[in-house]
Amino acid sequence: MWWRVPEAERAAYLARIMDGVEGTKQAGAELVGFALNEDDTPNRADFTYLAAWRMRDRAAVEHQDSYFLQSGWTDYFDQVNARGRVITGGQLVRHQMGQAI
């Protein structure tokens, strides 16, 4: 669908999205970076682009989620999300072993 949208409309839409990214930063989200998903990635997810964010708190997460849903992003692009609080390596191992963390 995205590639059927005229180039000028795509450029204008992406400019608005990038402006919105600035707004999410002001709401407490830090954009760690964007990346292209490399073709030779083992067990590669079938997505082209990646974005990594660090959020100040749950409110920033919810602001980000709301922004992308309201922006119409998913009308053009498939998107998956993953989120959770930062845990230690020890907590990861305990969770992997079925223990409470």
PDB file of N, CA and C in Angstrom:
ATOM      1  N   MET A   1       0.823  -1.197   0.000  1.00  0.00           N
ATOM      2  CA  MET A   1       0.000   0.000   0.000  1.00  0.00           C
ATOM      3  C   MET A   1       0.867   1.260   0.000  1.00  0.00           C
ATOM      4  N   TRP A   2       1.917   1.274   0.832  1.00  0.00           N
ATOM      5  CA  TRP A   2       2.761   2.464   0.985  1.00  0.00           C
ATOM      6  C   TRP A   2       3.323   2.925  -0.341  1.00  0.00           C
ATOM      7  N   TRP A   3       3.768   1.987  -1.152  1.00  0.00           N
ATOM      8  CA  TRP A   3       4.426   2.367  -2.405  1.00  0.00           C
ATOM      9  C   TRP A   3       3.453   2.897  -3.437  1.00  0.00           C
ATOM     10  N   ARG A   4       2.142   2.713  -3.194  1.00  0.00           N
ATOM     11  CA  ARG A   4       1.132   3.250  -4.100  1.00  0.00           C
ATOM     12  C   ARG A   4       0.809   4.712  -3.791  1.00  0.00           C
ATOM     13  N   VAL A   5       1.220   5.189  -2.633  1.00  0.00           N
ATOM     14  CA  VAL A   5       0.982   6.580  -2.243  1.00  0.00           C
ATOM     15  C   VAL A   5       1.965   7.453  -3.024  1.00  0.00           C
ATOM     16  N   PRO A   6       1.490   8.533  -3.633  1.00  0.00           N
ATOM     17  CA  PRO A   6       2.400   9.398  -4.395  1.00  0.00           C
ATOM     18  C   PRO A   6       3.589   9.859  -3.537  1.00  0.00           C
ATOM     19  N   GLU A   7       4.730   9.998  -4.179  1.00  0.00           N
ATOM     20  CA  GLU A   7       5.969  10.322  -3.471  1.00  0.00           C
ATOM     21  C   GLU A   7       5.850  11.587  -2.627  1.00  0.00           C
ATOM     22  N   ALA A   8       5.201  12.613  -3.138  1.00  0.00           N
ATOM     23  CA  ALA A   8       5.072  13.863  -2.373  1.00  0.00           C
ATOM     24  C   ALA A   8       4.276  13.642  -1.086  1.00  0.00           C
ATOM     25  N   GLU A   9       3.229  12.809  -1.160  1.00  0.00           N
ATOM     26  CA  GLU A   9       2.440  12.507   0.034  1.00  0.00           C
ATOM     27  C   GLU A   9       3.259  11.690   1.034  1.00  0.00           C
ATOM     28  N   ARG A  10       4.040  10.746   0.518  1.00  0.00           N
ATOM     29  CA  ARG A  10       4.891   9.947   1.410  1.00  0.00           C
ATOM     30  C   ARG A  10       5.891  10.836   2.127  1.00  0.00           C
ATOM     31  N   ALA A  11       6.511  11.758   1.384  1.00  0.00           N
ATOM     32  CA  ALA A  11       7.507  12.653   1.982  1.00  0.00           C
ATOM     33  C   ALA A  11       6.866  13.535   3.045  1.00  0.00           C
ATOM     34  N   ALA A  12       5.680  14.064   2.764  1.00  0.00           N
ATOM     35  CA  ALA A  12       4.992  14.921   3.734  1.00  0.00           C
ATOM     36  C   ALA A  12       4.599  14.129   4.979  1.00  0.00           C
ATOM     37  N   TYR A  13       4.096  12.919   4.778  1.00  0.00           N
ATOM     38  CA  TYR A  13       3.699  12.073   5.910  1.00  0.00           C
ATOM     39  C   TYR A  13       4.909  11.751   6.793  1.00  0.00           C
ATOM     40  N   LEU A  14       6.007  11.357   6.177  1.00  0.00           N
ATOM     41  CA  LEU A  14       7.201  11.006   6.962  1.00  0.00           C
ATOM     42  C   LEU A  14       7.776  12.226   7.678  1.00  0.00           C
ATOM     43  N   ALA A  15       7.658  13.391   7.079  1.00  0.00           N
ATOM     44  CA  ALA A  15       8.105  14.614   7.764  1.00  0.00           C
ATOM     45  C   ALA A  15       7.267  14.844   9.017  1.00  0.00           C
ATOM     46  N   ARG A  16       5.937  14.625   8.916  1.00  0.00           N
ATOM     47  CA  ARG A  16       5.070  14.768  10.101  1.00  0.00           C
ATOM     48  C   ARG A  16       5.435  13.736  11.158  1.00  0.00           C
ATOM     49  N   ILE A  17       5.729  12.509  10.723  1.00  0.00           N
ATOM     50  CA  ILE A  17       6.113  11.460  11.685  1.00  0.00           C
ATOM     51  C   ILE A  17       7.378  11.874  12.422  1.00  0.00           C
ATOM     52  N   MET A  18       8.367  12.370  11.697  1.00  0.00           N
ATOM     53  CA  MET A  18       9.622  12.758  12.344  1.00  0.00           C
ATOM     54  C   MET A  18       9.405  13.939  13.290  1.00  0.00           C
ATOM     55  N   ASP A  19       8.495  14.844  12.956  1.00  0.00           N
ATOM     56  CA  ASP A  19       8.135  15.913  13.888  1.00  0.00           C
ATOM     57  C   ASP A  19       7.516  15.312  15.150  1.00  0.00           C
ATOM     58  N   GLY A  20       6.676  14.310  14.974  1.00  0.00           N
ATOM     59  CA  GLY A  20       6.062  13.634  16.118  1.00  0.00           C
ATOM     60  C   GLY A  20       7.077  12.907  16.969  1.00  0.00           C
ATOM     61  N   VAL A  21       8.108  12.370  16.343  1.00  0.00           N
ATOM     62  CA  VAL A  21       9.187  11.723  17.091  1.00  0.00           C
ATOM     63  C   VAL A  21       9.811  12.732  18.051  1.00  0.00           C
ATOM     64  N   GLU A  22       9.972  13.949  17.589  1.00  0.00           N
ATOM     65  CA  GLU A  22      10.506  14.998  18.469  1.00  0.00           C
ATOM     66  C   GLU A  22       9.567  15.213  19.660  1.00  0.00           C
ATOM     67  N   GLY A  23       8.269  15.149  19.417  1.00  0.00           N
ATOM     68  CA  GLY A  23       7.302  15.295  20.497  1.00  0.00           C
ATOM     69  C   GLY A  23       7.380  14.164  21.504  1.00  0.00           C
ATOM     70  N   THR A  24       7.616  12.954  21.025  1.00  0.00           N
ATOM     71  CA  THR A  24       7.732  11.833  21.953  1.00  0.00           C
ATOM     72  C   THR A  24       9.002  11.959  22.782  1.00  0.00           C
ATOM     73  N   LYS A  25      10.032  12.553  22.209  1.00  0.00           N
ATOM     74  CA  LYS A  25      11.252  12.800  22.988  1.00  0.00           C
ATOM     75  C   LYS A  25      10.946  13.767  24.125  1.00  0.00           C
ATOM     76  N   GLN A  26      10.168  14.793  23.842  1.00  0.00           N
ATOM     77  CA  GLN A  26       9.814  15.763  24.878  1.00  0.00           C
ATOM     78  C   GLN A  26       8.936  15.134  25.954  1.00  0.00           C
ATOM     79  N   ALA A  27       8.225  14.061  25.610  1.00  0.00           N
ATOM     80  CA  ALA A  27       7.363  13.371  26.575  1.00  0.00           C
ATOM     81  C   ALA A  27       8.139  12.353  27.407  1.00  0.00           C
ATOM     82  N   GLY A  28       9.441  12.246  27.180  1.00  0.00           N
ATOM     83  CA  GLY A  28      10.251  11.361  28.006  1.00  0.00           C
ATOM     84  C   GLY A  28      10.785  10.127  27.316  1.00  0.00           C
ATOM     85  N   ALA A  29      10.754  10.113  25.989  1.00  0.00           N
ATOM     86  CA  ALA A  29      11.284   8.982  25.238  1.00  0.00           C
ATOM     87  C   ALA A  29      12.621   9.370  24.617  1.00  0.00           C
ATOM     88  N   GLU A  30      13.583   8.495  24.734  1.00  0.00           N
ATOM     89  CA  GLU A  30      14.889   8.723  24.099  1.00  0.00           C
ATOM     90  C   GLU A  30      15.036   7.751  22.934  1.00  0.00           C
ATOM     91  N   LEU A  31      15.193   8.289  21.737  1.00  0.00           N
ATOM     92  CA  LEU A  31      15.425   7.445  20.573  1.00  0.00           C
ATOM     93  C   LEU A  31      16.875   6.991  20.613  1.00  0.00           C
ATOM     94  N   VAL A  32      17.094   5.713  20.842  1.00  0.00           N
ATOM     95  CA  VAL A  32      18.453   5.171  20.841  1.00  0.00           C
ATOM     96  C   VAL A  32      18.968   5.149  19.415  1.00  0.00           C
ATOM     97  N   GLY A  33      18.107   4.742  18.468  1.00  0.00           N
ATOM     98  CA  GLY A  33      18.507   4.779  17.074  1.00  0.00           C
ATOM     99  C   GLY A  33      17.614   3.956  16.173  1.00  0.00           C
ATOM    100  N   PHE A  34      17.779   4.176  14.879  1.00  0.00           N
ATOM    101  CA  PHE A  34      17.125   3.395  13.840  1.00  0.00           C
ATOM    102  C   PHE A  34      18.166   2.455  13.240  1.00  0.00           C
ATOM    103  N   ALA A  35      17.701   1.369  12.650  1.00  0.00           N
ATOM    104  CA  ALA A  35      18.606   0.449  11.957  1.00  0.00           C
ATOM    105  C   ALA A  35      17.856  -0.233  10.824  1.00  0.00           C
ATOM    106  N   LEU A  36      18.598  -0.640   9.814  1.00  0.00           N
ATOM    107  CA  LEU A  36      18.067  -1.506   8.766  1.00  0.00           C
ATOM    108  C   LEU A  36      18.335  -2.941   9.191  1.00  0.00           C
ATOM    109  N   ASN A  37      17.319  -3.774   9.127  1.00  0.00           N
ATOM    110  CA  ASN A  37      17.457  -5.174   9.503  1.00  0.00           C
ATOM    111  C   ASN A  37      18.250  -5.902   8.414  1.00  0.00           C
ATOM    112  N   GLU A  38      19.433  -6.332   8.734  1.00  0.00           N
ATOM    113  CA  GLU A  38      20.332  -6.926   7.741  1.00  0.00           C
ATOM    114  C   GLU A  38      19.818  -8.286   7.275  1.00  0.00           C
ATOM    115  N   ASP A  39      19.956  -8.526   5.975  1.00  0.00           N
ATOM    116  CA  ASP A  39      19.460  -9.763   5.379  1.00  0.00           C
ATOM    117  C   ASP A  39      20.110 -11.013   5.952  1.00  0.00           C
ATOM    118  N   ASP A  40      21.365 -10.917   6.403  1.00  0.00           N
ATOM    119  CA  ASP A  40      22.066 -12.106   6.888  1.00  0.00           C
ATOM    120  C   ASP A  40      21.938 -12.300   8.404  1.00  0.00           C
ATOM    121  N   THR A  41      20.962 -11.649   9.030  1.00  0.00           N
ATOM    122  CA  THR A  41      20.737 -11.800  10.464  1.00  0.00           C
ATOM    123  C   THR A  41      20.201 -13.201  10.744  1.00  0.00           C
ATOM    124  N   PRO A  42      20.852 -13.964  11.628  1.00  0.00           N
ATOM    125  CA  PRO A  42      20.326 -15.285  11.973  1.00  0.00           C
ATOM    126  C   PRO A  42      18.922 -15.163  12.587  1.00  0.00           C
ATOM    127  N   ASN A  43      18.026 -16.058  12.199  1.00  0.00           N
ATOM    128  CA  ASN A  43      16.643 -16.059  12.696  1.00  0.00           C
ATOM    129  C   ASN A  43      15.982 -14.690  12.494  1.00  0.00           C
ATOM    130  N   ARG A  44      16.245 -14.110  11.368  1.00  0.00           N
ATOM    131  CA  ARG A  44      15.818 -12.741  11.050  1.00  0.00           C
ATOM    132  C   ARG A  44      14.308 -12.597  11.090  1.00  0.00           C
ATOM    133  N   ALA A  45      13.829 -11.560  11.786  1.00  0.00           N
ATOM    134  CA  ALA A  45      12.424 -11.179  11.736  1.00  0.00           C
ATOM    135  C   ALA A  45      12.164 -10.548  10.370  1.00  0.00           C
ATOM    136  N   ASP A  46      10.977 -10.732   9.844  1.00  0.00           N
ATOM    137  CA  ASP A  46      10.660 -10.251   8.504  1.00  0.00           C
ATOM    138  C   ASP A  46      10.226  -8.786   8.536  1.00  0.00           C
ATOM    139  N   PHE A  47      11.097  -7.940   9.048  1.00  0.00           N
ATOM    140  CA  PHE A  47      10.867  -6.505   9.086  1.00  0.00           C
ATOM    141  C   PHE A  47      12.115  -5.815   8.563  1.00  0.00           C
ATOM    142  N   THR A  48      11.945  -4.699   7.893  1.00  0.00           N
ATOM    143  CA  THR A  48      13.049  -3.993   7.269  1.00  0.00           C
ATOM    144  C   THR A  48      13.737  -3.033   8.220  1.00  0.00           C
ATOM    145  N   TYR A  49      12.946  -2.348   9.042  1.00  0.00           N
ATOM    146  CA  TYR A  49      13.482  -1.286   9.888  1.00  0.00           C
ATOM    147  C   TYR A  49      13.291  -1.619  11.359  1.00  0.00           C
ATOM    148  N   LEU A  50      14.220  -1.130  12.156  1.00  0.00           N
ATOM    149  CA  LEU A  50      14.155  -1.276  13.603  1.00  0.00           C
ATOM    150  C   LEU A  50      14.306   0.096  14.229  1.00  0.00           C
ATOM    151  N   ALA A  51      13.659   0.283  15.347  1.00  0.00           N
ATOM    152  CA  ALA A  51      13.865   1.495  16.142  1.00  0.00           C
ATOM    153  C   ALA A  51      13.975   1.048  17.594  1.00  0.00           C
ATOM    154  N   ALA A  52      14.941   1.578  18.286  1.00  0.00           N
ATOM    155  CA  ALA A  52      15.115   1.266  19.710  1.00  0.00           C
ATOM    156  C   ALA A  52      14.898   2.549  20.506  1.00  0.00           C
ATOM    157  N   TRP A  53      14.073   2.443  21.529  1.00  0.00           N
ATOM    158  CA  TRP A  53      13.726   3.585  22.375  1.00  0.00           C
ATOM    159  C   TRP A  53      14.021   3.246  23.823  1.00  0.00           C
ATOM    160  N   ARG A  54      14.379   4.242  24.576  1.00  0.00           N
ATOM    161  CA  ARG A  54      14.496   4.130  26.029  1.00  0.00           C
ATOM    162  C   ARG A  54      13.469   5.109  26.592  1.00  0.00           C
ATOM    163  N   MET A  55      12.599   4.590  27.432  1.00  0.00           N
ATOM    164  CA  MET A  55      11.510   5.408  27.960  1.00  0.00           C
ATOM    165  C   MET A  55      11.745   5.761  29.420  1.00  0.00           C
ATOM    166  N   ARG A  56      11.415   6.992  29.759  1.00  0.00           N
ATOM    167  CA  ARG A  56      11.589   7.490  31.120  1.00  0.00           C
ATOM    168  C   ARG A  56      10.684   6.745  32.096  1.00  0.00           C
ATOM    169  N   ASP A  57       9.444   6.489  31.671  1.00  0.00           N
ATOM    170  CA  ASP A  57       8.474   5.847  32.542  1.00  0.00           C
ATOM    171  C   ASP A  57       7.327   5.297  31.692  1.00  0.00           C
ATOM    172  N   ARG A  58       6.377   4.667  32.349  1.00  0.00           N
ATOM    173  CA  ARG A  58       5.259   4.052  31.637  1.00  0.00           C
ATOM    174  C   ARG A  58       4.433   5.105  30.885  1.00  0.00           C
ATOM    175  N   ALA A  59       4.313   6.299  31.425  1.00  0.00           N
ATOM    176  CA  ALA A  59       3.563   7.360  30.746  1.00  0.00           C
ATOM    177  C   ALA A  59       4.192   7.686  29.390  1.00  0.00           C
ATOM    178  N   ALA A  60       5.518   7.694  29.310  1.00  0.00           N
ATOM    179  CA  ALA A  60       6.195   7.951  28.037  1.00  0.00           C
ATOM    180  C   ALA A  60       5.914   6.825  27.051  1.00  0.00           C
ATOM    181  N   VAL A  61       5.880   5.602  27.537  1.00  0.00           N
ATOM    182  CA  VAL A  61       5.563   4.448  26.685  1.00  0.00           C
ATOM    183  C   VAL A  61       4.161   4.604  26.109  1.00  0.00           C
ATOM    184  N   GLU A  62       3.222   4.936  26.965  1.00  0.00           N
ATOM    185  CA  GLU A  62       1.838   5.066  26.519  1.00  0.00           C
ATOM    186  C   GLU A  62       1.667   6.253  25.565  1.00  0.00           C
ATOM    187  N   HIS A  63       2.425   7.315  25.776  1.00  0.00           N
ATOM    188  CA  HIS A  63       2.394   8.454  24.853  1.00  0.00           C
ATOM    189  C   HIS A  63       2.885   8.005  23.481  1.00  0.00           C
ATOM    190  N   GLN A  64       3.972   7.282  23.459  1.00  0.00           N
ATOM    191  CA  GLN A  64       4.534   6.785  22.202  1.00  0.00           C
ATOM    192  C   GLN A  64       3.548   5.867  21.493  1.00  0.00           C
ATOM    193  N   ASP A  65       2.976   4.927  22.222  1.00  0.00           N
ATOM    194  CA  ASP A  65       2.004   4.006  21.617  1.00  0.00           C
ATOM    195  C   ASP A  65       0.842   4.771  21.010  1.00  0.00           C
ATOM    196  N   SER A  66       0.309   5.710  21.762  1.00  0.00           N
ATOM    197  CA  SER A  66      -0.829   6.503  21.305  1.00  0.00           C
ATOM    198  C   SER A  66      -0.478   7.300  20.057  1.00  0.00           C
ATOM    199  N   TYR A  67       0.703   7.907  20.069  1.00  0.00           N
ATOM    200  CA  TYR A  67       1.117   8.713  18.921  1.00  0.00           C
ATOM    201  C   TYR A  67       1.134   7.877  17.643  1.00  0.00           C
ATOM    202  N   PHE A  68       1.774   6.715  17.683  1.00  0.00           N
ATOM    203  CA  PHE A  68       1.889   5.923  16.463  1.00  0.00           C
ATOM    204  C   PHE A  68       0.551   5.350  16.024  1.00  0.00           C
ATOM    205  N   LEU A  69      -0.315   5.003  16.961  1.00  0.00           N
ATOM    206  CA  LEU A  69      -1.642   4.528  16.577  1.00  0.00           C
ATOM    207  C   LEU A  69      -2.451   5.652  15.930  1.00  0.00           C
ATOM    208  N   GLN A  70      -2.413   6.836  16.517  1.00  0.00           N
ATOM    209  CA  GLN A  70      -3.179   7.969  15.987  1.00  0.00           C
ATOM    210  C   GLN A  70      -2.601   8.521  14.689  1.00  0.00           C
ATOM    211  N   SER A  71      -1.333   8.287  14.450  1.00  0.00           N
ATOM    212  CA  SER A  71      -0.685   8.834  13.250  1.00  0.00           C
ATOM    213  C   SER A  71      -1.082   8.120  11.969  1.00  0.00           C
ATOM    214  N   GLY A  72      -1.725   6.968  12.103  1.00  0.00           N
ATOM    215  CA  GLY A  72      -2.053   6.172  10.922  1.00  0.00           C
ATOM    216  C   GLY A  72      -0.904   5.304  10.448  1.00  0.00           C
ATOM    217  N   TRP A  73       0.157   5.214  11.225  1.00  0.00           N
ATOM    218  CA  TRP A  73       1.349   4.445  10.848  1.00  0.00           C
ATOM    219  C   TRP A  73       0.994   3.024  10.418  1.00  0.00           C
ATOM    220  N   THR A  74       0.126   2.376  11.183  1.00  0.00           N
ATOM    221  CA  THR A  74      -0.194   0.983  10.878  1.00  0.00           C
ATOM    222  C   THR A  74      -1.134   0.854   9.679  1.00  0.00           C
ATOM    223  N   ASP A  75      -1.624   1.969   9.140  1.00  0.00           N
ATOM    224  CA  ASP A  75      -2.359   1.912   7.875  1.00  0.00           C
ATOM    225  C   ASP A  75      -1.406   1.633   6.716  1.00  0.00           C
ATOM    226  N   TYR A  76      -0.144   2.000   6.898  1.00  0.00           N
ATOM    227  CA  TYR A  76       0.858   1.849   5.844  1.00  0.00           C
ATOM    228  C   TYR A  76       1.867   0.742   6.115  1.00  0.00           C
ATOM    229  N   PHE A  77       2.179   0.501   7.389  1.00  0.00           N
ATOM    230  CA  PHE A  77       3.283  -0.393   7.736  1.00  0.00           C
ATOM    231  C   PHE A  77       2.850  -1.441   8.742  1.00  0.00           C
ATOM    232  N   ASP A  78       3.405  -2.636   8.600  1.00  0.00           N
ATOM    233  CA  ASP A  78       3.265  -3.643   9.639  1.00  0.00           C
ATOM    234  C   ASP A  78       4.214  -3.256  10.762  1.00  0.00           C
ATOM    235  N   GLN A  79       3.784  -3.451  11.970  1.00  0.00           N
ATOM    236  CA  GLN A  79       4.620  -3.081  13.112  1.00  0.00           C
ATOM    237  C   GLN A  79       4.430  -4.099  14.215  1.00  0.00           C
ATOM    238  N   VAL A  80       5.514  -4.441  14.866  1.00  0.00           N
ATOM    239  CA  VAL A  80       5.455  -5.237  16.086  1.00  0.00           C
ATOM    240  C   VAL A  80       6.150  -4.437  17.175  1.00  0.00           C
ATOM    241  N   ASN A  81       5.716  -4.644  18.393  1.00  0.00           N
ATOM    242  CA  ASN A  81       6.307  -3.936  19.523  1.00  0.00           C
ATOM    243  C   ASN A  81       6.747  -4.945  20.572  1.00  0.00           C
ATOM    244  N   ALA A  82       7.753  -4.591  21.291  1.00  0.00           N
ATOM    245  CA  ALA A  82       8.196  -5.352  22.450  1.00  0.00           C
ATOM    246  C   ALA A  82       8.570  -4.333  23.506  1.00  0.00           C
ATOM    247  N   ARG A  83       8.204  -4.614  24.742  1.00  0.00           N
ATOM    248  CA  ARG A  83       8.550  -3.670  25.799  1.00  0.00           C
ATOM    249  C   ARG A  83       8.597  -4.396  27.123  1.00  0.00           C
ATOM    250  N   GLY A  84       9.293  -3.805  28.043  1.00  0.00           N
ATOM    251  CA  GLY A  84       9.381  -4.345  29.397  1.00  0.00           C
ATOM    252  C   GLY A  84      10.398  -3.560  30.190  1.00  0.00           C
ATOM    253  N   ARG A  85      10.354  -3.741  31.477  1.00  0.00           N
ATOM    254  CA  ARG A  85      11.297  -3.045  32.333  1.00  0.00           C
ATOM    255  C   ARG A  85      12.671  -3.700  32.208  1.00  0.00           C
ATOM    256  N   VAL A  86      13.700  -2.952  32.451  1.00  0.00           N
ATOM    257  CA  VAL A  86      15.065  -3.459  32.392  1.00  0.00           C
ATOM    258  C   VAL A  86      15.287  -4.391  33.580  1.00  0.00           C
ATOM    259  N   ILE A  87      15.875  -5.548  33.300  1.00  0.00           N
ATOM    260  CA  ILE A  87      16.210  -6.508  34.354  1.00  0.00           C
ATOM    261  C   ILE A  87      17.691  -6.873  34.246  1.00  0.00           C
ATOM    262  N   THR A  88      18.219  -7.443  35.290  1.00  0.00           N
ATOM    263  CA  THR A  88      19.621  -7.850  35.301  1.00  0.00           C
ATOM    264  C   THR A  88      19.786  -9.207  34.621  1.00  0.00           C
ATOM    265  N   GLY A  89      21.025  -9.561  34.334  1.00  0.00           N
ATOM    266  CA  GLY A  89      21.308 -10.884  33.782  1.00  0.00           C
ATOM    267  C   GLY A  89      20.872 -11.984  34.732  1.00  0.00           C
ATOM    268  N   GLY A  90      21.089 -11.776  36.021  1.00  0.00           N
ATOM    269  CA  GLY A  90      20.668 -12.766  37.018  1.00  0.00           C
ATOM    270  C   GLY A  90      19.157 -12.957  37.025  1.00  0.00           C
ATOM    271  N   GLN A  91      18.422 -11.859  36.912  1.00  0.00           N
ATOM    272  CA  GLN A  91      16.960 -11.954  36.868  1.00  0.00           C
ATOM    273  C   GLN A  91      16.509 -12.686  35.608  1.00  0.00           C
ATOM    274  N   LEU A  92      17.195 -12.439  34.504  1.00  0.00           N
ATOM    275  CA  LEU A  92      16.875 -13.132  33.262  1.00  0.00           C
ATOM    276  C   LEU A  92      17.041 -14.635  33.438  1.00  0.00           C
ATOM    277  N   VAL A  93      18.174 -15.037  34.010  1.00  0.00           N
ATOM    278  CA  VAL A  93      18.443 -16.469  34.209  1.00  0.00           C
ATOM    279  C   VAL A  93      17.386 -17.068  35.134  1.00  0.00           C
ATOM    280  N   ARG A  94      17.079 -16.396  36.240  1.00  0.00           N
ATOM    281  CA  ARG A  94      16.073 -16.922  37.154  1.00  0.00           C
ATOM    282  C   ARG A  94      14.736 -17.082  36.455  1.00  0.00           C
ATOM    283  N   HIS A  95      14.348 -16.078  35.659  1.00  0.00           N
ATOM    284  CA  HIS A  95      13.080 -16.180  34.931  1.00  0.00           C
ATOM    285  C   HIS A  95      13.106 -17.329  33.943  1.00  0.00           C
ATOM    286  N   GLN A  96      14.229 -17.493  33.246  1.00  0.00           N
ATOM    287  CA  GLN A  96      14.377 -18.603  32.307  1.00  0.00           C
ATOM    288  C   GLN A  96      14.239 -19.961  33.007  1.00  0.00           C
ATOM    289  N   MET A  97      14.610 -20.004  34.272  1.00  0.00           N
ATOM    290  CA  MET A  97      14.526 -21.232  35.056  1.00  0.00           C
ATOM    291  C   MET A  97      13.163 -21.393  35.749  1.00  0.00           C
ATOM    292  N   GLY A  98      12.248 -20.467  35.462  1.00  0.00           N
ATOM    293  CA  GLY A  98      10.916 -20.567  36.018  1.00  0.00           C
ATOM    294  C   GLY A  98      10.785 -19.995  37.422  1.00  0.00           C
ATOM    295  N   GLN A  99      11.767 -19.230  37.847  1.00  0.00           N
ATOM    296  CA  GLN A  99      11.738 -18.645  39.189  1.00  0.00           C
ATOM    297  C   GLN A  99      11.215 -17.216  39.115  1.00  0.00           C
ATOM    298  N   ALA A 100      10.681 -16.751  40.236  1.00  0.00           N
ATOM    299  CA  ALA A 100      10.215 -15.383  40.320  1.00  0.00           C
ATOM    300  C   ALA A 100      11.404 -14.433  40.298  1.00  0.00           C
ATOM    301  N   ILE A 101      11.206 -13.278  39.716  1.00  0.00           N
ATOM    302  CA  ILE A 101      12.266 -12.268  39.725  1.00  0.00           C
ATOM    303  C   ILE A 101      11.809 -11.023  40.456  1.00  0.00           C
TER     304      ILE A 101
END
